[in-house]
PDBML (XML) file of the C-alpha atoms, coordinates in Angstrom:
<?xml version="1.0" encoding="UTF-8" ?>
<PDBx:datablock datablockName="MODEL"
   xmlns:PDBx="http://pdbml.pdb.org/schema/pdbx-v50.xsd"
   xmlns:xsi="http://www.w3.org/2001/XMLSchema-instance"
   xsi:schemaLocation="http://pdbml.pdb.org/schema/pdbx-v50.xsd pdbx-v50.xsd">
   <PDBx:atom_siteCategory>
      <PDBx:atom_site id="1">
         <PDBx:B_iso_or_equiv>0.00</PDBx:B_iso_or_equiv>
         <PDBx:Cartn_x>45.454</PDBx:Cartn_x>
         <PDBx:Cartn_y>14.865</PDBx:Cartn_y>
         <PDBx:Cartn_z>-2.327</PDBx:Cartn_z>
         <PDBx:auth_asym_id>A</PDBx:auth_asym_id>
         <PDBx:auth_atom_id>CA</PDBx:auth_atom_id>
         <PDBx:auth_comp_id>PHE</PDBx:auth_comp_id>
         <PDBx:auth_seq_id>1</PDBx:auth_seq_id>
         <PDBx:group_PDB>ATOM</PDBx:group_PDB>
         <PDBx:label_alt_id xsi:nil="true" />
         <PDBx:label_asym_id>A</PDBx:label_asym_id>
         <PDBx:label_atom_id>CA</PDBx:label_atom_id>
         <PDBx:label_comp_id>PHE</PDBx:label_comp_id>
         <PDBx:label_entity_id>1</PDBx:label_entity_id>
         <PDBx:label_seq_id>1</PDBx:label_seq_id>
         <PDBx:occupancy>1.00</PDBx:occupancy>
         <PDBx:pdbx_PDB_model_num>1</PDBx:pdbx_PDB_model_num>
         <PDBx:type_symbol>C</PDBx:type_symbol>
      </PDBx:atom_site>
      <PDBx:atom_site id="2">
         <PDBx:B_iso_or_equiv>0.00</PDBx:B_iso_or_equiv>
         <PDBx:Cartn_x>47.965</PDBx:Cartn_x>
         <PDBx:Cartn_y>12.239</PDBx:Cartn_y>
         <PDBx:Cartn_z>-3.510</PDBx:Cartn_z>
         <PDBx:auth_asym_id>A</PDBx:auth_asym_id>
         <PDBx:auth_atom_id>CA</PDBx:auth_atom_id>
         <PDBx:auth_comp_id>ALA</PDBx:auth_comp_id>
         <PDBx:auth_seq_id>2</PDBx:auth_seq_id>
         <PDBx:group_PDB>ATOM</PDBx:group_PDB>
         <PDBx:label_alt_id xsi:nil="true" />
         <PDBx:label_asym_id>A</PDBx:label_asym_id>
         <PDBx:label_atom_id>CA</PDBx:label_atom_id>
         <PDBx:label_comp_id>ALA</PDBx:label_comp_id>
         <PDBx:label_entity_id>1</PDBx:label_entity_id>
         <PDBx:label_seq_id>2</PDBx:label_seq_id>
         <PDBx:occupancy>1.00</PDBx:occupancy>
         <PDBx:pdbx_PDB_model_num>1</PDBx:pdbx_PDB_model_num>
         <PDBx:type_symbol>C</PDBx:type_symbol>
      </PDBx:atom_site>
      <PDBx:atom_site id="3">
         <PDBx:B_iso_or_equiv>0.00</PDBx:B_iso_or_equiv>
         <PDBx:Cartn_x>47.259</PDBx:Cartn_x>
         <PDBx:Cartn_y>12.954</PDBx:Cartn_y>
         <PDBx:Cartn_z>-7.174</PDBx:Cartn_z>
         <PDBx:auth_asym_id>A</PDBx:auth_asym_id>
         <PDBx:auth_atom_id>CA</PDBx:auth_atom_id>
         <PDBx:auth_comp_id>PHE</PDBx:auth_comp_id>
         <PDBx:auth_seq_id>3</PDBx:auth_seq_id>
         <PDBx:group_PDB>ATOM</PDBx:group_PDB>
         <PDBx:label_alt_id xsi:nil="true" />
         <PDBx:label_asym_id>A</PDBx:label_asym_id>
         <PDBx:label_atom_id>CA</PDBx:label_atom_id>
         <PDBx:label_comp_id>PHE</PDBx:label_comp_id>
         <PDBx:label_entity_id>1</PDBx:label_entity_id>
         <PDBx:label_seq_id>3</PDBx:label_seq_id>
         <PDBx:occupancy>1.00</PDBx:occupancy>
         <PDBx:pdbx_PDB_model_num>1</PDBx:pdbx_PDB_model_num>
         <PDBx:type_symbol>C</PDBx:type_symbol>
      </PDBx:atom_site>
      <PDBx:atom_site id="4">
         <PDBx:B_iso_or_equiv>0.00</PDBx:B_iso_or_equiv>
         <PDBx:Cartn_x>46.900</PDBx:Cartn_x>
         <PDBx:Cartn_y>16.730</PDBx:Cartn_y>
         <PDBx:Cartn_z>-6.881</PDBx:Cartn_z>
         <PDBx:auth_asym_id>A</PDBx:auth_asym_id>
         <PDBx:auth_atom_id>CA</PDBx:auth_atom_id>
         <PDBx:auth_comp_id>SER</PDBx:auth_comp_id>
         <PDBx:auth_seq_id>4</PDBx:auth_seq_id>
         <PDBx:group_PDB>ATOM</PDBx:group_PDB>
         <PDBx:label_alt_id xsi:nil="true" />
         <PDBx:label_asym_id>A</PDBx:label_asym_id>
         <PDBx:label_atom_id>CA</PDBx:label_atom_id>
         <PDBx:label_comp_id>SER</PDBx:label_comp_id>
         <PDBx:label_entity_id>1</PDBx:label_entity_id>
         <PDBx:label_seq_id>4</PDBx:label_seq_id>
         <PDBx:occupancy>1.00</PDBx:occupancy>
         <PDBx:pdbx_PDB_model_num>1</PDBx:pdbx_PDB_model_num>
         <PDBx:type_symbol>C</PDBx:type_symbol>
      </PDBx:atom_site>
      <PDBx:atom_site id="5">
         <PDBx:B_iso_or_equiv>0.00</PDBx:B_iso_or_equiv>
         <PDBx:Cartn_x>49.445</PDBx:Cartn_x>
         <PDBx:Cartn_y>19.362</PDBx:Cartn_y>
         <PDBx:Cartn_z>-7.890</PDBx:Cartn_z>
         <PDBx:auth_asym_id>A</PDBx:auth_asym_id>
         <PDBx:auth_atom_id>CA</PDBx:auth_atom_id>
         <PDBx:auth_comp_id>ALA</PDBx:auth_comp_id>
         <PDBx:auth_seq_id>5</PDBx:auth_seq_id>
         <PDBx:group_PDB>ATOM</PDBx:group_PDB>
         <PDBx:label_alt_id xsi:nil="true" />
         <PDBx:label_asym_id>A</PDBx:label_asym_id>
         <PDBx:label_atom_id>CA</PDBx:label_atom_id>
         <PDBx:label_comp_id>ALA</PDBx:label_comp_id>
         <PDBx:label_entity_id>1</PDBx:label_entity_id>
         <PDBx:label_seq_id>5</PDBx:label_seq_id>
         <PDBx:occupancy>1.00</PDBx:occupancy>
         <PDBx:pdbx_PDB_model_num>1</PDBx:pdbx_PDB_model_num>
         <PDBx:type_symbol>C</PDBx:type_symbol>
      </PDBx:atom_site>
      <PDBx:atom_site id="6">
         <PDBx:B_iso_or_equiv>0.00</PDBx:B_iso_or_equiv>
         <PDBx:Cartn_x>52.085</PDBx:Cartn_x>
         <PDBx:Cartn_y>20.119</PDBx:Cartn_y>
         <PDBx:Cartn_z>-6.868</PDBx:Cartn_z>
         <PDBx:auth_asym_id>A</PDBx:auth_asym_id>
         <PDBx:auth_atom_id>CA</PDBx:auth_atom_id>
         <PDBx:auth_comp_id>PRO</PDBx:auth_comp_id>
         <PDBx:auth_seq_id>6</PDBx:auth_seq_id>
         <PDBx:group_PDB>ATOM</PDBx:group_PDB>
         <PDBx:label_alt_id xsi:nil="true" />
         <PDBx:label_asym_id>A</PDBx:label_asym_id>
         <PDBx:label_atom_id>CA</PDBx:label_atom_id>
         <PDBx:label_comp_id>PRO</PDBx:label_comp_id>
         <PDBx:label_entity_id>1</PDBx:label_entity_id>
         <PDBx:label_seq_id>6</PDBx:label_seq_id>
         <PDBx:occupancy>1.00</PDBx:occupancy>
         <PDBx:pdbx_PDB_model_num>1</PDBx:pdbx_PDB_model_num>
         <PDBx:type_symbol>C</PDBx:type_symbol>
      </PDBx:atom_site>
      <PDBx:atom_site id="7">
         <PDBx:B_iso_or_equiv>0.00</PDBx:B_iso_or_equiv>
         <PDBx:Cartn_x>52.768</PDBx:Cartn_x>
         <PDBx:Cartn_y>16.952</PDBx:Cartn_y>
         <PDBx:Cartn_z>-4.872</PDBx:Cartn_z>
         <PDBx:auth_asym_id>A</PDBx:auth_asym_id>
         <PDBx:auth_atom_id>CA</PDBx:auth_atom_id>
         <PDBx:auth_comp_id>VAL</PDBx:auth_comp_id>
         <PDBx:auth_seq_id>7</PDBx:auth_seq_id>
         <PDBx:group_PDB>ATOM</PDBx:group_PDB>
         <PDBx:label_alt_id xsi:nil="true" />
         <PDBx:label_asym_id>A</PDBx:label_asym_id>
         <PDBx:label_atom_id>CA</PDBx:label_atom_id>
         <PDBx:label_comp_id>VAL</PDBx:label_comp_id>
         <PDBx:label_entity_id>1</PDBx:label_entity_id>
         <PDBx:label_seq_id>7</PDBx:label_seq_id>
         <PDBx:occupancy>1.00</PDBx:occupancy>
         <PDBx:pdbx_PDB_model_num>1</PDBx:pdbx_PDB_model_num>
         <PDBx:type_symbol>C</PDBx:type_symbol>
      </PDBx:atom_site>
      <PDBx:atom_site id="8">
         <PDBx:B_iso_or_equiv>0.00</PDBx:B_iso_or_equiv>
         <PDBx:Cartn_x>52.089</PDBx:Cartn_x>
         <PDBx:Cartn_y>14.518</PDBx:Cartn_y>
         <PDBx:Cartn_z>-7.730</PDBx:Cartn_z>
         <PDBx:auth_asym_id>A</PDBx:auth_asym_id>
         <PDBx:auth_atom_id>CA</PDBx:auth_atom_id>
         <PDBx:auth_comp_id>ILE</PDBx:auth_comp_id>
         <PDBx:auth_seq_id>8</PDBx:auth_seq_id>
         <PDBx:group_PDB>ATOM</PDBx:group_PDB>
         <PDBx:label_alt_id xsi:nil="true" />
         <PDBx:label_asym_id>A</PDBx:label_asym_id>
         <PDBx:label_atom_id>CA</PDBx:label_atom_id>
         <PDBx:label_comp_id>ILE</PDBx:label_comp_id>
         <PDBx:label_entity_id>1</PDBx:label_entity_id>
         <PDBx:label_seq_id>8</PDBx:label_seq_id>
         <PDBx:occupancy>1.00</PDBx:occupancy>
         <PDBx:pdbx_PDB_model_num>1</PDBx:pdbx_PDB_model_num>
         <PDBx:type_symbol>C</PDBx:type_symbol>
      </PDBx:atom_site>
      <PDBx:atom_site id="9">
         <PDBx:B_iso_or_equiv>0.00</PDBx:B_iso_or_equiv>
         <PDBx:Cartn_x>54.295</PDBx:Cartn_x>
         <PDBx:Cartn_y>16.544</PDBx:Cartn_y>
         <PDBx:Cartn_z>-10.065</PDBx:Cartn_z>
         <PDBx:auth_asym_id>A</PDBx:auth_asym_id>
         <PDBx:auth_atom_id>CA</PDBx:auth_atom_id>
         <PDBx:auth_comp_id>ASP</PDBx:auth_comp_id>
         <PDBx:auth_seq_id>9</PDBx:auth_seq_id>
         <PDBx:group_PDB>ATOM</PDBx:group_PDB>
         <PDBx:label_alt_id xsi:nil="true" />
         <PDBx:label_asym_id>A</PDBx:label_asym_id>
         <PDBx:label_atom_id>CA</PDBx:label_atom_id>
         <PDBx:label_comp_id>ASP</PDBx:label_comp_id>
         <PDBx:label_entity_id>1</PDBx:label_entity_id>
         <PDBx:label_seq_id>9</PDBx:label_seq_id>
         <PDBx:occupancy>1.00</PDBx:occupancy>
         <PDBx:pdbx_PDB_model_num>1</PDBx:pdbx_PDB_model_num>
         <PDBx:type_symbol>C</PDBx:type_symbol>
      </PDBx:atom_site>
      <PDBx:atom_site id="10">
         <PDBx:B_iso_or_equiv>0.00</PDBx:B_iso_or_equiv>
         <PDBx:Cartn_x>57.080</PDBx:Cartn_x>
         <PDBx:Cartn_y>16.602</PDBx:Cartn_y>
         <PDBx:Cartn_z>-7.493</PDBx:Cartn_z>
         <PDBx:auth_asym_id>A</PDBx:auth_asym_id>
         <PDBx:auth_atom_id>CA</PDBx:auth_atom_id>
         <PDBx:auth_comp_id>ASP</PDBx:auth_comp_id>
         <PDBx:auth_seq_id>10</PDBx:auth_seq_id>
         <PDBx:group_PDB>ATOM</PDBx:group_PDB>
         <PDBx:label_alt_id xsi:nil="true" />
         <PDBx:label_asym_id>A</PDBx:label_asym_id>
         <PDBx:label_atom_id>CA</PDBx:label_atom_id>
         <PDBx:label_comp_id>ASP</PDBx:label_comp_id>
         <PDBx:label_entity_id>1</PDBx:label_entity_id>
         <PDBx:label_seq_id>10</PDBx:label_seq_id>
         <PDBx:occupancy>1.00</PDBx:occupancy>
         <PDBx:pdbx_PDB_model_num>1</PDBx:pdbx_PDB_model_num>
         <PDBx:type_symbol>C</PDBx:type_symbol>
      </PDBx:atom_site>
      <PDBx:atom_site id="11">
         <PDBx:B_iso_or_equiv>0.00</PDBx:B_iso_or_equiv>
         <PDBx:Cartn_x>57.123</PDBx:Cartn_x>
         <PDBx:Cartn_y>12.835</PDBx:Cartn_y>
         <PDBx:Cartn_z>-6.991</PDBx:Cartn_z>
         <PDBx:auth_asym_id>A</PDBx:auth_asym_id>
         <PDBx:auth_atom_id>CA</PDBx:auth_atom_id>
         <PDBx:auth_comp_id>VAL</PDBx:auth_comp_id>
         <PDBx:auth_seq_id>11</PDBx:auth_seq_id>
         <PDBx:group_PDB>ATOM</PDBx:group_PDB>
         <PDBx:label_alt_id xsi:nil="true" />
         <PDBx:label_asym_id>A</PDBx:label_asym_id>
         <PDBx:label_atom_id>CA</PDBx:label_atom_id>
         <PDBx:label_comp_id>VAL</PDBx:label_comp_id>
         <PDBx:label_entity_id>1</PDBx:label_entity_id>
         <PDBx:label_seq_id>11</PDBx:label_seq_id>
         <PDBx:occupancy>1.00</PDBx:occupancy>
         <PDBx:pdbx_PDB_model_num>1</PDBx:pdbx_PDB_model_num>
         <PDBx:type_symbol>C</PDBx:type_symbol>
      </PDBx:atom_site>
      <PDBx:atom_site id="12">
         <PDBx:B_iso_or_equiv>0.00</PDBx:B_iso_or_equiv>
         <PDBx:Cartn_x>56.737</PDBx:Cartn_x>
         <PDBx:Cartn_y>11.870</PDBx:Cartn_y>
         <PDBx:Cartn_z>-10.649</PDBx:Cartn_z>
         <PDBx:auth_asym_id>A</PDBx:auth_asym_id>
         <PDBx:auth_atom_id>CA</PDBx:auth_atom_id>
         <PDBx:auth_comp_id>THR</PDBx:auth_comp_id>
         <PDBx:auth_seq_id>12</PDBx:auth_seq_id>
         <PDBx:group_PDB>ATOM</PDBx:group_PDB>
         <PDBx:label_alt_id xsi:nil="true" />
         <PDBx:label_asym_id>A</PDBx:label_asym_id>
         <PDBx:label_atom_id>CA</PDBx:label_atom_id>
         <PDBx:label_comp_id>THR</PDBx:label_comp_id>
         <PDBx:label_entity_id>1</PDBx:label_entity_id>
         <PDBx:label_seq_id>12</PDBx:label_seq_id>
         <PDBx:occupancy>1.00</PDBx:occupancy>
         <PDBx:pdbx_PDB_model_num>1</PDBx:pdbx_PDB_model_num>
         <PDBx:type_symbol>C</PDBx:type_symbol>
      </PDBx:atom_site>
      <PDBx:atom_site id="13">
         <PDBx:B_iso_or_equiv>0.00</PDBx:B_iso_or_equiv>
         <PDBx:Cartn_x>59.565</PDBx:Cartn_x>
         <PDBx:Cartn_y>14.132</PDBx:Cartn_y>
         <PDBx:Cartn_z>-11.768</PDBx:Cartn_z>
         <PDBx:auth_asym_id>A</PDBx:auth_asym_id>
         <PDBx:auth_atom_id>CA</PDBx:auth_atom_id>
         <PDBx:auth_comp_id>THR</PDBx:auth_comp_id>
         <PDBx:auth_seq_id>13</PDBx:auth_seq_id>
         <PDBx:group_PDB>ATOM</PDBx:group_PDB>
         <PDBx:label_alt_id xsi:nil="true" />
         <PDBx:label_asym_id>A</PDBx:label_asym_id>
         <PDBx:label_atom_id>CA</PDBx:label_atom_id>
         <PDBx:label_comp_id>THR</PDBx:label_comp_id>
         <PDBx:label_entity_id>1</PDBx:label_entity_id>
         <PDBx:label_seq_id>13</PDBx:label_seq_id>
         <PDBx:occupancy>1.00</PDBx:occupancy>
         <PDBx:pdbx_PDB_model_num>1</PDBx:pdbx_PDB_model_num>
         <PDBx:type_symbol>C</PDBx:type_symbol>
      </PDBx:atom_site>
      <PDBx:atom_site id="14">
         <PDBx:B_iso_or_equiv>0.00</PDBx:B_iso_or_equiv>
         <PDBx:Cartn_x>61.931</PDBx:Cartn_x>
         <PDBx:Cartn_y>12.964</PDBx:Cartn_y>
         <PDBx:Cartn_z>-9.052</PDBx:Cartn_z>
         <PDBx:auth_asym_id>A</PDBx:auth_asym_id>
         <PDBx:auth_atom_id>CA</PDBx:auth_atom_id>
         <PDBx:auth_comp_id>GLY</PDBx:auth_comp_id>
         <PDBx:auth_seq_id>14</PDBx:auth_seq_id>
         <PDBx:group_PDB>ATOM</PDBx:group_PDB>
         <PDBx:label_alt_id xsi:nil="true" />
         <PDBx:label_asym_id>A</PDBx:label_asym_id>
         <PDBx:label_atom_id>CA</PDBx:label_atom_id>
         <PDBx:label_comp_id>GLY</PDBx:label_comp_id>
         <PDBx:label_entity_id>1</PDBx:label_entity_id>
         <PDBx:label_seq_id>14</PDBx:label_seq_id>
         <PDBx:occupancy>1.00</PDBx:occupancy>
         <PDBx:pdbx_PDB_model_num>1</PDBx:pdbx_PDB_model_num>
         <PDBx:type_symbol>C</PDBx:type_symbol>
      </PDBx:atom_site>
      <PDBx:atom_site id="15">
         <PDBx:B_iso_or_equiv>0.00</PDBx:B_iso_or_equiv>
         <PDBx:Cartn_x>61.960</PDBx:Cartn_x>
         <PDBx:Cartn_y>16.147</PDBx:Cartn_y>
         <PDBx:Cartn_z>-6.991</PDBx:Cartn_z>
         <PDBx:auth_asym_id>A</PDBx:auth_asym_id>
         <PDBx:auth_atom_id>CA</PDBx:auth_atom_id>
         <PDBx:auth_comp_id>ARG</PDBx:auth_comp_id>
         <PDBx:auth_seq_id>15</PDBx:auth_seq_id>
         <PDBx:group_PDB>ATOM</PDBx:group_PDB>
         <PDBx:label_alt_id xsi:nil="true" />
         <PDBx:label_asym_id>A</PDBx:label_asym_id>
         <PDBx:label_atom_id>CA</PDBx:label_atom_id>
         <PDBx:label_comp_id>ARG</PDBx:label_comp_id>
         <PDBx:label_entity_id>1</PDBx:label_entity_id>
         <PDBx:label_seq_id>15</PDBx:label_seq_id>
         <PDBx:occupancy>1.00</PDBx:occupancy>
         <PDBx:pdbx_PDB_model_num>1</PDBx:pdbx_PDB_model_num>
         <PDBx:type_symbol>C</PDBx:type_symbol>
      </PDBx:atom_site>
      <PDBx:atom_site id="16">
         <PDBx:B_iso_or_equiv>0.00</PDBx:B_iso_or_equiv>
         <PDBx:Cartn_x>60.802</PDBx:Cartn_x>
         <PDBx:Cartn_y>14.168</PDBx:Cartn_y>
         <PDBx:Cartn_z>-3.955</PDBx:Cartn_z>
         <PDBx:auth_asym_id>A</PDBx:auth_asym_id>
         <PDBx:auth_atom_id>CA</PDBx:auth_atom_id>
         <PDBx:auth_comp_id>ILE</PDBx:auth_comp_id>
         <PDBx:auth_seq_id>16</PDBx:auth_seq_id>
         <PDBx:group_PDB>ATOM</PDBx:group_PDB>
         <PDBx:label_alt_id xsi:nil="true" />
         <PDBx:label_asym_id>A</PDBx:label_asym_id>
         <PDBx:label_atom_id>CA</PDBx:label_atom_id>
         <PDBx:label_comp_id>ILE</PDBx:label_comp_id>
         <PDBx:label_entity_id>1</PDBx:label_entity_id>
         <PDBx:label_seq_id>16</PDBx:label_seq_id>
         <PDBx:occupancy>1.00</PDBx:occupancy>
         <PDBx:pdbx_PDB_model_num>1</PDBx:pdbx_PDB_model_num>
         <PDBx:type_symbol>C</PDBx:type_symbol>
      </PDBx:atom_site>
      <PDBx:atom_site id="17">
         <PDBx:B_iso_or_equiv>0.00</PDBx:B_iso_or_equiv>
         <PDBx:Cartn_x>60.971</PDBx:Cartn_x>
         <PDBx:Cartn_y>10.449</PDBx:Cartn_y>
         <PDBx:Cartn_z>-3.187</PDBx:Cartn_z>
         <PDBx:auth_asym_id>A</PDBx:auth_asym_id>
         <PDBx:auth_atom_id>CA</PDBx:auth_atom_id>
         <PDBx:auth_comp_id>THR</PDBx:auth_comp_id>
         <PDBx:auth_seq_id>17</PDBx:auth_seq_id>
         <PDBx:group_PDB>ATOM</PDBx:group_PDB>
         <PDBx:label_alt_id xsi:nil="true" />
         <PDBx:label_asym_id>A</PDBx:label_asym_id>
         <PDBx:label_atom_id>CA</PDBx:label_atom_id>
         <PDBx:label_comp_id>THR</PDBx:label_comp_id>
         <PDBx:label_entity_id>1</PDBx:label_entity_id>
         <PDBx:label_seq_id>17</PDBx:label_seq_id>
         <PDBx:occupancy>1.00</PDBx:occupancy>
         <PDBx:pdbx_PDB_model_num>1</PDBx:pdbx_PDB_model_num>
         <PDBx:type_symbol>C</PDBx:type_symbol>
      </PDBx:atom_site>
      <PDBx:atom_site id="18">
         <PDBx:B_iso_or_equiv>0.00</PDBx:B_iso_or_equiv>
         <PDBx:Cartn_x>58.043</PDBx:Cartn_x>
         <PDBx:Cartn_y>8.088</PDBx:Cartn_y>
         <PDBx:Cartn_z>-2.919</PDBx:Cartn_z>
         <PDBx:auth_asym_id>A</PDBx:auth_asym_id>
         <PDBx:auth_atom_id>CA</PDBx:auth_atom_id>
         <PDBx:auth_comp_id>ARG</PDBx:auth_comp_id>
         <PDBx:auth_seq_id>18</PDBx:auth_seq_id>
         <PDBx:group_PDB>ATOM</PDBx:group_PDB>
         <PDBx:label_alt_id xsi:nil="true" />
         <PDBx:label_asym_id>A</PDBx:label_asym_id>
         <PDBx:label_atom_id>CA</PDBx:label_atom_id>
         <PDBx:label_comp_id>ARG</PDBx:label_comp_id>
         <PDBx:label_entity_id>1</PDBx:label_entity_id>
         <PDBx:label_seq_id>18</PDBx:label_seq_id>
         <PDBx:occupancy>1.00</PDBx:occupancy>
         <PDBx:pdbx_PDB_model_num>1</PDBx:pdbx_PDB_model_num>
         <PDBx:type_symbol>C</PDBx:type_symbol>
      </PDBx:atom_site>
      <PDBx:atom_site id="19">
         <PDBx:B_iso_or_equiv>0.00</PDBx:B_iso_or_equiv>
         <PDBx:Cartn_x>58.609</PDBx:Cartn_x>
         <PDBx:Cartn_y>7.907</PDBx:Cartn_y>
         <PDBx:Cartn_z>0.849</PDBx:Cartn_z>
         <PDBx:auth_asym_id>A</PDBx:auth_asym_id>
         <PDBx:auth_atom_id>CA</PDBx:auth_atom_id>
         <PDBx:auth_comp_id>ALA</PDBx:auth_comp_id>
         <PDBx:auth_seq_id>19</PDBx:auth_seq_id>
         <PDBx:group_PDB>ATOM</PDBx:group_PDB>
         <PDBx:label_alt_id xsi:nil="true" />
         <PDBx:label_asym_id>A</PDBx:label_asym_id>
         <PDBx:label_atom_id>CA</PDBx:label_atom_id>
         <PDBx:label_comp_id>ALA</PDBx:label_comp_id>
         <PDBx:label_entity_id>1</PDBx:label_entity_id>
         <PDBx:label_seq_id>19</PDBx:label_seq_id>
         <PDBx:occupancy>1.00</PDBx:occupancy>
         <PDBx:pdbx_PDB_model_num>1</PDBx:pdbx_PDB_model_num>
         <PDBx:type_symbol>C</PDBx:type_symbol>
      </PDBx:atom_site>
      <PDBx:atom_site id="20">
         <PDBx:B_iso_or_equiv>0.00</PDBx:B_iso_or_equiv>
         <PDBx:Cartn_x>58.453</PDBx:Cartn_x>
         <PDBx:Cartn_y>11.712</PDBx:Cartn_y>
         <PDBx:Cartn_z>1.088</PDBx:Cartn_z>
         <PDBx:auth_asym_id>A</PDBx:auth_asym_id>
         <PDBx:auth_atom_id>CA</PDBx:auth_atom_id>
         <PDBx:auth_comp_id>GLU</PDBx:auth_comp_id>
         <PDBx:auth_seq_id>20</PDBx:auth_seq_id>
         <PDBx:group_PDB>ATOM</PDBx:group_PDB>
         <PDBx:label_alt_id xsi:nil="true" />
         <PDBx:label_asym_id>A</PDBx:label_asym_id>
         <PDBx:label_atom_id>CA</PDBx:label_atom_id>
         <PDBx:label_comp_id>GLU</PDBx:label_comp_id>
         <PDBx:label_entity_id>1</PDBx:label_entity_id>
         <PDBx:label_seq_id>20</PDBx:label_seq_id>
         <PDBx:occupancy>1.00</PDBx:occupancy>
         <PDBx:pdbx_PDB_model_num>1</PDBx:pdbx_PDB_model_num>
         <PDBx:type_symbol>C</PDBx:type_symbol>
      </PDBx:atom_site>
      <PDBx:atom_site id="21">
         <PDBx:B_iso_or_equiv>0.00</PDBx:B_iso_or_equiv>
         <PDBx:Cartn_x>55.257</PDBx:Cartn_x>
         <PDBx:Cartn_y>11.679</PDBx:Cartn_y>
         <PDBx:Cartn_z>-0.991</PDBx:Cartn_z>
         <PDBx:auth_asym_id>A</PDBx:auth_asym_id>
         <PDBx:auth_atom_id>CA</PDBx:auth_atom_id>
         <PDBx:auth_comp_id>TRP</PDBx:auth_comp_id>
         <PDBx:auth_seq_id>21</PDBx:auth_seq_id>
         <PDBx:group_PDB>ATOM</PDBx:group_PDB>
         <PDBx:label_alt_id xsi:nil="true" />
         <PDBx:label_asym_id>A</PDBx:label_asym_id>
         <PDBx:label_atom_id>CA</PDBx:label_atom_id>
         <PDBx:label_comp_id>TRP</PDBx:label_comp_id>
         <PDBx:label_entity_id>1</PDBx:label_entity_id>
         <PDBx:label_seq_id>21</PDBx:label_seq_id>
         <PDBx:occupancy>1.00</PDBx:occupancy>
         <PDBx:pdbx_PDB_model_num>1</PDBx:pdbx_PDB_model_num>
         <PDBx:type_symbol>C</PDBx:type_symbol>
      </PDBx:atom_site>
      <PDBx:atom_site id="22">
         <PDBx:B_iso_or_equiv>0.00</PDBx:B_iso_or_equiv>
         <PDBx:Cartn_x>53.563</PDBx:Cartn_x>
         <PDBx:Cartn_y>9.178</PDBx:Cartn_y>
         <PDBx:Cartn_z>1.324</PDBx:Cartn_z>
         <PDBx:auth_asym_id>A</PDBx:auth_asym_id>
         <PDBx:auth_atom_id>CA</PDBx:auth_atom_id>
         <PDBx:auth_comp_id>VAL</PDBx:auth_comp_id>
         <PDBx:auth_seq_id>22</PDBx:auth_seq_id>
         <PDBx:group_PDB>ATOM</PDBx:group_PDB>
         <PDBx:label_alt_id xsi:nil="true" />
         <PDBx:label_asym_id>A</PDBx:label_asym_id>
         <PDBx:label_atom_id>CA</PDBx:label_atom_id>
         <PDBx:label_comp_id>VAL</PDBx:label_comp_id>
         <PDBx:label_entity_id>1</PDBx:label_entity_id>
         <PDBx:label_seq_id>22</PDBx:label_seq_id>
         <PDBx:occupancy>1.00</PDBx:occupancy>
         <PDBx:pdbx_PDB_model_num>1</PDBx:pdbx_PDB_model_num>
         <PDBx:type_symbol>C</PDBx:type_symbol>
      </PDBx:atom_site>
      <PDBx:atom_site id="23">
         <PDBx:B_iso_or_equiv>0.00</PDBx:B_iso_or_equiv>
         <PDBx:Cartn_x>54.701</PDBx:Cartn_x>
         <PDBx:Cartn_y>11.176</PDBx:Cartn_y>
         <PDBx:Cartn_z>4.331</PDBx:Cartn_z>
         <PDBx:auth_asym_id>A</PDBx:auth_asym_id>
         <PDBx:auth_atom_id>CA</PDBx:auth_atom_id>
         <PDBx:auth_comp_id>ARG</PDBx:auth_comp_id>
         <PDBx:auth_seq_id>23</PDBx:auth_seq_id>
         <PDBx:group_PDB>ATOM</PDBx:group_PDB>
         <PDBx:label_alt_id xsi:nil="true" />
         <PDBx:label_asym_id>A</PDBx:label_asym_id>
         <PDBx:label_atom_id>CA</PDBx:label_atom_id>
         <PDBx:label_comp_id>ARG</PDBx:label_comp_id>
         <PDBx:label_entity_id>1</PDBx:label_entity_id>
         <PDBx:label_seq_id>23</PDBx:label_seq_id>
         <PDBx:occupancy>1.00</PDBx:occupancy>
         <PDBx:pdbx_PDB_model_num>1</PDBx:pdbx_PDB_model_num>
         <PDBx:type_symbol>C</PDBx:type_symbol>
      </PDBx:atom_site>
      <PDBx:atom_site id="24">
         <PDBx:B_iso_or_equiv>0.00</PDBx:B_iso_or_equiv>
         <PDBx:Cartn_x>53.255</PDBx:Cartn_x>
         <PDBx:Cartn_y>14.377</PDBx:Cartn_y>
         <PDBx:Cartn_z>2.813</PDBx:Cartn_z>
         <PDBx:auth_asym_id>A</PDBx:auth_asym_id>
         <PDBx:auth_atom_id>CA</PDBx:auth_atom_id>
         <PDBx:auth_comp_id>ALA</PDBx:auth_comp_id>
         <PDBx:auth_seq_id>24</PDBx:auth_seq_id>
         <PDBx:group_PDB>ATOM</PDBx:group_PDB>
         <PDBx:label_alt_id xsi:nil="true" />
         <PDBx:label_asym_id>A</PDBx:label_asym_id>
         <PDBx:label_atom_id>CA</PDBx:label_atom_id>
         <PDBx:label_comp_id>ALA</PDBx:label_comp_id>
         <PDBx:label_entity_id>1</PDBx:label_entity_id>
         <PDBx:label_seq_id>24</PDBx:label_seq_id>
         <PDBx:occupancy>1.00</PDBx:occupancy>
         <PDBx:pdbx_PDB_model_num>1</PDBx:pdbx_PDB_model_num>
         <PDBx:type_symbol>C</PDBx:type_symbol>
      </PDBx:atom_site>
      <PDBx:atom_site id="25">
         <PDBx:B_iso_or_equiv>0.00</PDBx:B_iso_or_equiv>
         <PDBx:Cartn_x>49.938</PDBx:Cartn_x>
         <PDBx:Cartn_y>12.599</PDBx:Cartn_y>
         <PDBx:Cartn_z>2.251</PDBx:Cartn_z>
         <PDBx:auth_asym_id>A</PDBx:auth_asym_id>
         <PDBx:auth_atom_id>CA</PDBx:auth_atom_id>
         <PDBx:auth_comp_id>ILE</PDBx:auth_comp_id>
         <PDBx:auth_seq_id>25</PDBx:auth_seq_id>
         <PDBx:group_PDB>ATOM</PDBx:group_PDB>
         <PDBx:label_alt_id xsi:nil="true" />
         <PDBx:label_asym_id>A</PDBx:label_asym_id>
         <PDBx:label_atom_id>CA</PDBx:label_atom_id>
         <PDBx:label_comp_id>ILE</PDBx:label_comp_id>
         <PDBx:label_entity_id>1</PDBx:label_entity_id>
         <PDBx:label_seq_id>25</PDBx:label_seq_id>
         <PDBx:occupancy>1.00</PDBx:occupancy>
         <PDBx:pdbx_PDB_model_num>1</PDBx:pdbx_PDB_model_num>
         <PDBx:type_symbol>C</PDBx:type_symbol>
      </PDBx:atom_site>
   </PDBx:atom_siteCategory>
</PDBx:datablock>
């Protein structure tokens, strides 16, 4: 899940923070 679209694209282009990414996971 962590490296799937769209979440990985959102975090690596700055649309969400790393903390938000971990929380989404």
